[in-house]
Protein backbone atom coordinates (compact mmCIF):
# COMPACT_ATOMS: atom_id res chain seq x y z
CA UNK A 1 -3.97 -9.53 -4.51
CA UNK A 2 -3.75 -5.60 -5.78
CA UNK A 3 -6.15 -3.25 -7.19
CA UNK A 4 -5.42 -1.00 -8.54
CA UNK A 5 -8.00 2.91 -9.45
CA UNK A 6 -6.82 5.41 -11.90
CA UNK A 7 -8.29 8.41 -12.18
CA UNK A 8 -7.12 11.56 -14.34
CA UNK A 9 -5.46 12.81 -11.47
CA UNK A 10 -4.78 10.34 -9.15
CA UNK A 11 -4.11 6.93 -9.02
CA UNK A 12 -4.77 4.25 -5.84
CA UNK A 13 -3.80 1.39 -5.15
CA UNK A 14 -4.79 -1.43 -2.03
CA UNK A 15 -2.54 -3.96 -1.47
CA UNK A 16 -3.79 -7.49 0.42
CA UNK A 17 -1.80 -10.03 2.39
CA UNK A 18 -3.88 -13.13 2.84
CA UNK A 19 -0.86 -15.01 4.39
CA UNK A 20 -0.15 -15.32 8.13
CA UNK A 21 2.79 -13.92 7.91
CA UNK A 22 3.83 -10.12 6.42
CA UNK A 23 5.44 -8.78 3.21
CA UNK A 24 7.51 -6.54 1.61
CA UNK A 25 6.78 -5.53 -1.84
CA UNK A 26 8.70 -3.36 -3.97
CA UNK A 27 8.00 -1.09 -6.64
CA UNK A 28 11.11 -1.98 -9.57
CA UNK A 29 10.23 -1.33 -13.15
CA UNK A 30 8.80 -4.14 -13.84
CA UNK A 31 6.32 -4.04 -11.41
CA UNK A 32 3.96 -0.38 -10.97
CA UNK A 33 7.91 2.21 -11.34
CA UNK A 34 5.37 4.97 -10.59
CA UNK A 35 4.21 4.24 -6.84
CA UNK A 36 7.66 4.60 -6.13
CA UNK A 37 7.46 7.22 -3.77
CA UNK A 38 3.95 7.31 -2.85
CA UNK A 39 1.30 8.24 -0.08
CA UNK A 40 0.57 5.43 2.98
CA UNK A 41 -2.77 6.38 3.72
CA UNK A 42 -3.92 3.60 5.26
CA UNK A 43 -2.69 0.02 6.72
CA UNK A 44 -4.95 -2.98 8.42
CA UNK A 45 -3.28 -5.88 10.24
CA UNK A 46 -5.35 -8.75 10.13
CA UNK A 47 -4.42 -10.76 12.73
CA UNK A 48 -3.76 -8.24 15.37
CA UNK A 49 -7.58 -6.88 14.65
CA UNK A 50 -5.47 -2.66 14.11
CA UNK A 51 -6.17 -0.32 10.88
CA UNK A 52 -4.83 2.99 10.79
CA UNK A 53 -5.65 6.31 8.18
CA UNK A 54 -2.03 7.37 7.75
CA UNK A 55 -3.54 10.08 5.80
CA UNK A 56 -2.77 13.28 7.90
CA UNK A 57 0.82 11.39 8.40
CA UNK A 58 2.24 12.40 5.06
CA UNK A 59 3.96 9.41 4.76
CA UNK A 60 5.97 8.33 1.76
CA UNK A 61 7.28 4.59 0.65
CA UNK A 62 10.34 4.62 -1.42
CA UNK A 63 10.27 2.05 -3.25
CA UNK A 64 8.20 -1.15 -1.33
CA UNK A 65 5.67 -0.82 1.09
CA UNK A 66 4.84 -3.83 3.56
CA UNK A 67 1.33 -6.08 4.57
CA UNK A 68 0.97 -6.46 6.83
CA UNK A 69 -0.31 -10.29 7.61
CA UNK A 70 -4.32 -10.85 7.16
CA UNK A 71 -3.78 -6.69 5.78
CA UNK A 72 -4.41 -4.49 3.41
CA UNK A 73 -2.69 -0.46 3.05
CA UNK A 74 -4.37 1.58 0.32
CA UNK A 75 -1.64 3.99 -2.01
CA UNK A 76 -2.30 7.28 -3.84
CA UNK A 77 0.13 8.48 -6.40
CA UNK A 78 -0.69 12.23 -7.69
């Protein structure tokens, strides 16, 4: 599942993986290319019951992001 929230100066995307295996999601020309280089600001692994605020890590994704099993990631693009 994917949700996007857009304001005048920021874009947020939430990717939710409902499966029991981790998934890698690629941001190519046909699927949200504006999120290439987005900042990873939160992730959760539901299978291991762990989550982490990564806002201060300054971690940017390249052209893909890994979403843990039964987990989610939150991306921010300016």
